[in-house]
Every structure is written in C-alpha cells, then in structure tokens.
Amino acid sequence: MRLSNLRRMAAACAATGTLGTGPMAMAQAPVPIYPAPPVMAVPAAPASPEAADIAHCLCLHQAVGALGAQMSGGRQSYDQSLAELSRLDAQLERERASMDVNNPASVAHFRQLLQERDALYRRSSGPIVTDLSRVVARYNDQVNEYNARCADKPRNPVLVASVQATLTCPPP
C-alpha cells in the first residue's frame, strides 16, 4: 500500500470511530478480572501403609536420638558422682592418716566427711543408677525396634521427603 492510501484509511477509520478496534487494539484492551474460584478443602488422602511405616521409622529415629542424649547426660551425672566419691574417699584416707583421735574437733570433722561420703554413695548407687538404667533400657528397646523394623530397608526418597515434611512425632 502506498502512504497516501494508508492516510486515507486512517482518516476514514477516525471518522467512523473504528480506529483502534483491530487485532492490535484487542491485545491491548483491558482483560476483565474475574474473582478467583473459591478454595475447596480437599480431604487428605489416607496415608499409604508405606508412608505410615516411614513415619514410624522416622519417629523411632528421633526417639533413639533423644534417648541417646538423655543417656549421655545420665552417664555424665553418674561419672561426676563417682569422681566426687573418689575425691571424698581420698580425702578421708588423708584425714584418717593424720587425725588425732584425742581431739574431738578432728574426730567431728572426720565424721562429717564420712557422712558426706556416705550420702553421696547412696545417691550414686541409688537414684542416679536407677534413672540411668531406665534410660539405657528404653534406649536399647528403641534401638532394637528401629533395627528390626527400619534398618537396611530400601525406601522411596521422594516419599521419605514428603513424609518428613509433615512429620509430627509423640515425645519419646
């Protein structure tokens, strides 16, 4: 088309009000905005048996870790009480070697140390050992269950990641 023909068409379109309604104008016309459809709550699909087994194994693994930390803390407490007991035993031996049995203050001091040592011995052989034994037993039970049910089992890594993302475990 010649330039003069284009000018004539533009003038005719402007006169009739059809300028800007061609295909180019359609692309630039505002798009009507429709409200978004309502979000419907989709009931969660029941977990597959494999997903439930993976969740149980992941929770067992967490429980083993928590009980291991508890066991370590209990063992540390027990070791500290044994070290303190050993220190008091050594102090009692030194006091016994240098004690004047005719001096009531020296005998009273020795008896006080002996009472401290006996009280510490009762604690270290009673509640501390009992608590530690319970934690060790629970830890061993969890490890045995984990090994029997979960160890060396091939798992779908995508399913494991999916289960792990929404995992909630009961306290150990």
C-alpha atoms as a PDB file:
ATOM      1  CA  MET A   1       0.000   0.000   0.000  1.00  0.00           C
ATOM      2  CA  ARG A   2       1.058   3.463  -0.638  1.00  0.00           C
ATOM      3  CA  LEU A   3       1.459   6.023   2.046  1.00  0.00           C
ATOM      4  CA  SER A   4      -1.403   8.096   0.699  1.00  0.00           C
ATOM      5  CA  ASN A   5      -3.754   5.086   0.825  1.00  0.00           C
ATOM      6  CA  LEU A   6      -2.791   4.463   4.465  1.00  0.00           C
ATOM      7  CA  ARG A   7      -3.516   8.050   5.342  1.00  0.00           C
ATOM      8  CA  ARG A   8      -6.889   7.845   3.676  1.00  0.00           C
ATOM      9  CA  MET A   9      -7.766   4.649   5.595  1.00  0.00           C
ATOM     10  CA  ALA A  10      -6.677   6.181   8.881  1.00  0.00           C
ATOM     11  CA  ALA A  11      -8.797   9.234   8.221  1.00  0.00           C
ATOM     12  CA  ALA A  12     -11.813   7.079   7.354  1.00  0.00           C
ATOM     13  CA  CYS A  13     -11.371   4.995  10.477  1.00  0.00           C
ATOM     14  CA  ALA A  14     -11.031   8.064  12.654  1.00  0.00           C
ATOM     15  CA  ALA A  15     -14.185   9.492  11.177  1.00  0.00           C
ATOM     16  CA  THR A  16     -16.196   6.338  11.794  1.00  0.00           C
ATOM     17  CA  GLY A  17     -14.743   5.653  15.270  1.00  0.00           C
ATOM     18  CA  THR A  18     -13.286   2.300  14.317  1.00  0.00           C
ATOM     19  CA  LEU A  19      -9.683   3.298  14.954  1.00  0.00           C
ATOM     20  CA  GLY A  20      -8.097   1.033  17.496  1.00  0.00           C
ATOM     21  CA  THR A  21     -10.540  -1.867  17.258  1.00  0.00           C
ATOM     22  CA  GLY A  22      -8.364  -4.024  15.037  1.00  0.00           C
ATOM     23  CA  PRO A  23      -6.387  -7.038  16.125  1.00  0.00           C
ATOM     24  CA  MET A  24      -3.605  -4.885  17.656  1.00  0.00           C
ATOM     25  CA  ALA A  25      -6.099  -2.997  19.758  1.00  0.00           C
ATOM     26  CA  MET A  26      -7.635  -6.233  21.010  1.00  0.00           C
ATOM     27  CA  ALA A  27      -4.349  -7.334  22.503  1.00  0.00           C
ATOM     28  CA  GLN A  28      -4.088  -4.089  24.393  1.00  0.00           C
ATOM     29  CA  ALA A  29      -7.677  -3.985  25.635  1.00  0.00           C
ATOM     30  CA  PRO A  30      -8.078  -4.474  29.364  1.00  0.00           C
ATOM     31  CA  VAL A  31      -8.744  -8.055  30.352  1.00  0.00           C
ATOM     32  CA  PRO A  32     -11.816  -8.482  32.517  1.00  0.00           C
ATOM     33  CA  ILE A  33     -10.950  -9.555  36.054  1.00  0.00           C
ATOM     34  CA  TYR A  34     -12.949 -12.448  37.357  1.00  0.00           C
ATOM     35  CA  PRO A  35     -12.875 -13.431  41.013  1.00  0.00           C
ATOM     36  CA  ALA A  36     -10.795 -16.466  41.827  1.00  0.00           C
ATOM     37  CA  PRO A  37     -12.779 -19.640  42.341  1.00  0.00           C
ATOM     38  CA  PRO A  38     -13.325 -20.493  45.996  1.00  0.00           C
ATOM     39  CA  VAL A  39     -10.726 -22.760  47.519  1.00  0.00           C
ATOM     40  CA  MET A  40     -12.284 -26.041  48.419  1.00  0.00           C
ATOM     41  CA  ALA A  41     -10.805 -28.052  51.234  1.00  0.00           C
ATOM     42  CA  VAL A  42      -9.695 -31.312  49.755  1.00  0.00           C
ATOM     43  CA  PRO A  43      -9.687 -34.096  52.300  1.00  0.00           C
ATOM     44  CA  ALA A  44      -6.218 -35.502  52.780  1.00  0.00           C
ATOM     45  CA  ALA A  45      -5.716 -38.800  51.133  1.00  0.00           C
ATOM     46  CA  PRO A  46      -5.220 -41.574  53.640  1.00  0.00           C
ATOM     47  CA  ALA A  47      -1.561 -42.295  54.165  1.00  0.00           C
ATOM     48  CA  SER A  48      -0.325 -45.355  52.416  1.00  0.00           C
ATOM     49  CA  PRO A  49       0.984 -48.192  54.556  1.00  0.00           C
ATOM     50  CA  GLU A  50       4.472 -47.431  53.250  1.00  0.00           C
ATOM     51  CA  ALA A  51       4.159 -43.757  54.280  1.00  0.00           C
ATOM     52  CA  ALA A  52       2.908 -44.778  57.721  1.00  0.00           C
ATOM     53  CA  ASP A  53       5.845 -47.169  58.098  1.00  0.00           C
ATOM     54  CA  ILE A  54       8.277 -44.444  57.037  1.00  0.00           C
ATOM     55  CA  ALA A  55       6.724 -42.018  59.549  1.00  0.00           C
ATOM     56  CA  HIS A  56       7.034 -44.622  62.303  1.00  0.00           C
ATOM     57  CA  CYS A  57      10.686 -45.233  61.419  1.00  0.00           C
ATOM     58  CA  LEU A  58      11.463 -41.509  61.324  1.00  0.00           C
ATOM     59  CA  CYS A  59       9.852 -41.088  64.745  1.00  0.00           C
ATOM     60  CA  LEU A  60      11.798 -44.079  66.081  1.00  0.00           C
ATOM     61  CA  HIS A  61      14.992 -42.476  64.788  1.00  0.00           C
ATOM     62  CA  GLN A  62      14.143 -39.229  66.595  1.00  0.00           C
ATOM     63  CA  ALA A  63      13.355 -41.150  69.792  1.00  0.00           C
ATOM     64  CA  VAL A  64      16.662 -43.008  69.618  1.00  0.00           C
ATOM     65  CA  GLY A  65      18.478 -39.680  69.273  1.00  0.00           C
ATOM     66  CA  ALA A  66      16.620 -38.101  72.190  1.00  0.00           C
ATOM     67  CA  LEU A  67      17.125 -41.129  74.427  1.00  0.00           C
ATOM     68  CA  GLY A  68      20.793 -41.254  73.429  1.00  0.00           C
ATOM     69  CA  ALA A  69      21.206 -37.655  74.574  1.00  0.00           C
ATOM     70  CA  GLN A  70      19.351 -38.442  77.809  1.00  0.00           C
ATOM     71  CA  MET A  71      21.534 -41.481  78.340  1.00  0.00           C
ATOM     72  CA  SER A  72      24.666 -39.431  77.745  1.00  0.00           C
ATOM     73  CA  GLY A  73      23.529 -36.822  80.278  1.00  0.00           C
ATOM     74  CA  GLY A  74      22.703 -39.509  82.832  1.00  0.00           C
ATOM     75  CA  ARG A  75      26.067 -41.163  82.289  1.00  0.00           C
ATOM     76  CA  GLN A  76      27.810 -37.821  82.730  1.00  0.00           C
ATOM     77  CA  SER A  77      25.943 -37.234  86.002  1.00  0.00           C
ATOM     78  CA  TYR A  78      26.846 -40.731  87.194  1.00  0.00           C
ATOM     79  CA  ASP A  79      30.519 -40.231  86.254  1.00  0.00           C
ATOM     80  CA  GLN A  80      30.588 -36.910  88.133  1.00  0.00           C
ATOM     81  CA  SER A  81      29.174 -38.525  91.261  1.00  0.00           C
ATOM     82  CA  LEU A  82      31.781 -41.302  91.037  1.00  0.00           C
ATOM     83  CA  ALA A  83      34.556 -38.730  90.633  1.00  0.00           C
ATOM     84  CA  GLU A  84      33.263 -36.802  93.661  1.00  0.00           C
ATOM     85  CA  LEU A  85      33.027 -40.066  95.609  1.00  0.00           C
ATOM     86  CA  SER A  86      36.606 -40.907  94.691  1.00  0.00           C
ATOM     87  CA  ARG A  87      37.747 -37.428  95.759  1.00  0.00           C
ATOM     88  CA  LEU A  88      35.989 -37.808  99.148  1.00  0.00           C
ATOM     89  CA  ASP A  89      37.480 -41.295  99.619  1.00  0.00           C
ATOM     90  CA  ALA A  90      40.972 -39.915  99.040  1.00  0.00           C
ATOM     91  CA  GLN A  91      40.316 -37.003 101.418  1.00  0.00           C
ATOM     92  CA  LEU A  92      39.045 -39.433 104.088  1.00  0.00           C
ATOM     93  CA  GLU A  93      42.217 -41.522 103.752  1.00  0.00           C
ATOM     94  CA  ARG A  94      44.385 -38.424 104.200  1.00  0.00           C
ATOM     95  CA  GLU A  95      42.323 -37.277 107.186  1.00  0.00           C
ATOM     96  CA  ARG A  96      42.418 -40.736 108.760  1.00  0.00           C
ATOM     97  CA  ALA A  97      46.209 -40.883 108.462  1.00  0.00           C
ATOM     98  CA  SER A  98      46.715 -37.524 110.151  1.00  0.00           C
ATOM     99  CA  MET A  99      43.750 -37.482 112.531  1.00  0.00           C
ATOM    100  CA  ASP A 100      44.275 -37.026 116.265  1.00  0.00           C
ATOM    101  CA  VAL A 101      41.735 -39.374 117.838  1.00  0.00           C
ATOM    102  CA  ASN A 102      42.075 -37.495 121.133  1.00  0.00           C
ATOM    103  CA  ASN A 103      40.955 -34.192 119.513  1.00  0.00           C
ATOM    104  CA  PRO A 104      37.112 -34.004 119.433  1.00  0.00           C
ATOM    105  CA  ALA A 105      37.149 -31.325 116.662  1.00  0.00           C
ATOM    106  CA  SER A 106      39.310 -33.564 114.434  1.00  0.00           C
ATOM    107  CA  VAL A 107      37.030 -36.554 115.041  1.00  0.00           C
ATOM    108  CA  ALA A 108      33.904 -34.435 114.355  1.00  0.00           C
ATOM    109  CA  HIS A 109      35.397 -33.158 111.091  1.00  0.00           C
ATOM    110  CA  PHE A 110      36.207 -36.724 110.024  1.00  0.00           C
ATOM    111  CA  ARG A 111      32.671 -37.894 110.867  1.00  0.00           C
ATOM    112  CA  GLN A 112      31.204 -35.017 108.850  1.00  0.00           C
ATOM    113  CA  LEU A 113      33.301 -36.002 105.811  1.00  0.00           C
ATOM    114  CA  LEU A 114      32.269 -39.627 106.304  1.00  0.00           C
ATOM    115  CA  GLN A 115      28.569 -38.638 106.375  1.00  0.00           C
ATOM    116  CA  GLU A 116      29.003 -36.601 103.163  1.00  0.00           C
ATOM    117  CA  ARG A 117      30.712 -39.542 101.507  1.00  0.00           C
ATOM    118  CA  ASP A 118      28.003 -41.988 102.639  1.00  0.00           C
ATOM    119  CA  ALA A 119      25.203 -39.695 101.401  1.00  0.00           C
ATOM    120  CA  LEU A 120      26.926 -39.318  98.032  1.00  0.00           C
ATOM    121  CA  TYR A 121      27.416 -43.084  97.839  1.00  0.00           C
ATOM    122  CA  ARG A 122      23.707 -43.678  98.481  1.00  0.00           C
ATOM    123  CA  ARG A 123      22.755 -41.192  95.745  1.00  0.00           C
ATOM    124  CA  SER A 124      25.284 -42.591  93.266  1.00  0.00           C
ATOM    125  CA  SER A 125      24.238 -46.192  93.882  1.00  0.00           C
ATOM    126  CA  GLY A 126      20.516 -45.440  94.203  1.00  0.00           C
ATOM    127  CA  PRO A 127      18.538 -42.881  92.186  1.00  0.00           C
ATOM    128  CA  ILE A 128      21.316 -41.959  89.757  1.00  0.00           C
ATOM    129  CA  VAL A 129      21.927 -45.592  88.810  1.00  0.00           C
ATOM    130  CA  THR A 130      18.209 -46.390  88.699  1.00  0.00           C
ATOM    131  CA  ASP A 131      17.455 -43.435  86.406  1.00  0.00           C
ATOM    132  CA  LEU A 132      20.403 -44.246  84.170  1.00  0.00           C
ATOM    133  CA  SER A 133      19.390 -47.916  83.981  1.00  0.00           C
ATOM    134  CA  ARG A 134      15.846 -46.966  82.941  1.00  0.00           C
ATOM    135  CA  VAL A 135      17.084 -44.645  80.208  1.00  0.00           C
ATOM    136  CA  VAL A 136      19.546 -47.267  78.952  1.00  0.00           C
ATOM    137  CA  ALA A 137      16.782 -49.901  78.852  1.00  0.00           C
ATOM    138  CA  ARG A 138      14.420 -47.572  76.943  1.00  0.00           C
ATOM    139  CA  TYR A 139      17.254 -46.624  74.573  1.00  0.00           C
ATOM    140  CA  ASN A 140      18.079 -50.292  73.924  1.00  0.00           C
ATOM    141  CA  ASP A 141      14.406 -51.118  73.310  1.00  0.00           C
ATOM    142  CA  GLN A 142      14.070 -48.273  70.793  1.00  0.00           C
ATOM    143  CA  VAL A 143      17.304 -49.218  69.015  1.00  0.00           C
ATOM    144  CA  ASN A 144      16.237 -52.862  68.797  1.00  0.00           C
ATOM    145  CA  GLU A 145      12.822 -51.876  67.409  1.00  0.00           C
ATOM    146  CA  TYR A 146      14.416 -49.483  64.913  1.00  0.00           C
ATOM    147  CA  ASN A 147      16.905 -52.108  63.767  1.00  0.00           C
ATOM    148  CA  ALA A 148      14.226 -54.791  63.404  1.00  0.00           C
ATOM    149  CA  ARG A 149      11.679 -52.611  61.649  1.00  0.00           C
ATOM    150  CA  CYS A 150      13.593 -49.888  59.814  1.00  0.00           C
ATOM    151  CA  ALA A 151      17.291 -50.572  59.312  1.00  0.00           C
ATOM    152  CA  ASP A 152      18.513 -51.584  55.860  1.00  0.00           C
ATOM    153  CA  LYS A 153      15.095 -51.265  54.226  1.00  0.00           C
ATOM    154  CA  PRO A 154      15.008 -49.589  50.816  1.00  0.00           C
ATOM    155  CA  ARG A 155      12.776 -46.512  50.832  1.00  0.00           C
ATOM    156  CA  ASN A 156      11.435 -44.226  48.145  1.00  0.00           C
ATOM    157  CA  PRO A 157      13.400 -40.977  48.744  1.00  0.00           C
ATOM    158  CA  VAL A 158      10.564 -38.823  47.374  1.00  0.00           C
ATOM    159  CA  LEU A 159       8.086 -40.426  49.768  1.00  0.00           C
ATOM    160  CA  VAL A 160      10.545 -40.121  52.662  1.00  0.00           C
ATOM    161  CA  ALA A 161      10.968 -36.394  51.959  1.00  0.00           C
ATOM    162  CA  SER A 162       7.204 -35.951  51.691  1.00  0.00           C
ATOM    163  CA  VAL A 163       6.569 -37.730  54.993  1.00  0.00           C
ATOM    164  CA  GLN A 164       9.413 -35.890  56.700  1.00  0.00           C
ATOM    165  CA  ALA A 165       7.997 -32.509  55.637  1.00  0.00           C
ATOM    166  CA  THR A 166       4.808 -33.075  57.621  1.00  0.00           C
ATOM    167  CA  LEU A 167       6.123 -35.377  60.342  1.00  0.00           C
ATOM    168  CA  THR A 168       4.873 -34.985  63.913  1.00  0.00           C
ATOM    169  CA  CYS A 169       6.118 -37.476  66.457  1.00  0.00           C
ATOM    170  CA  PRO A 170       4.986 -38.190  70.003  1.00  0.00           C
ATOM    171  CA  PRO A 171       7.534 -37.370  72.705  1.00  0.00           C
ATOM    172  CA  PRO A 172       9.912 -40.257  73.390  1.00  0.00           C
END
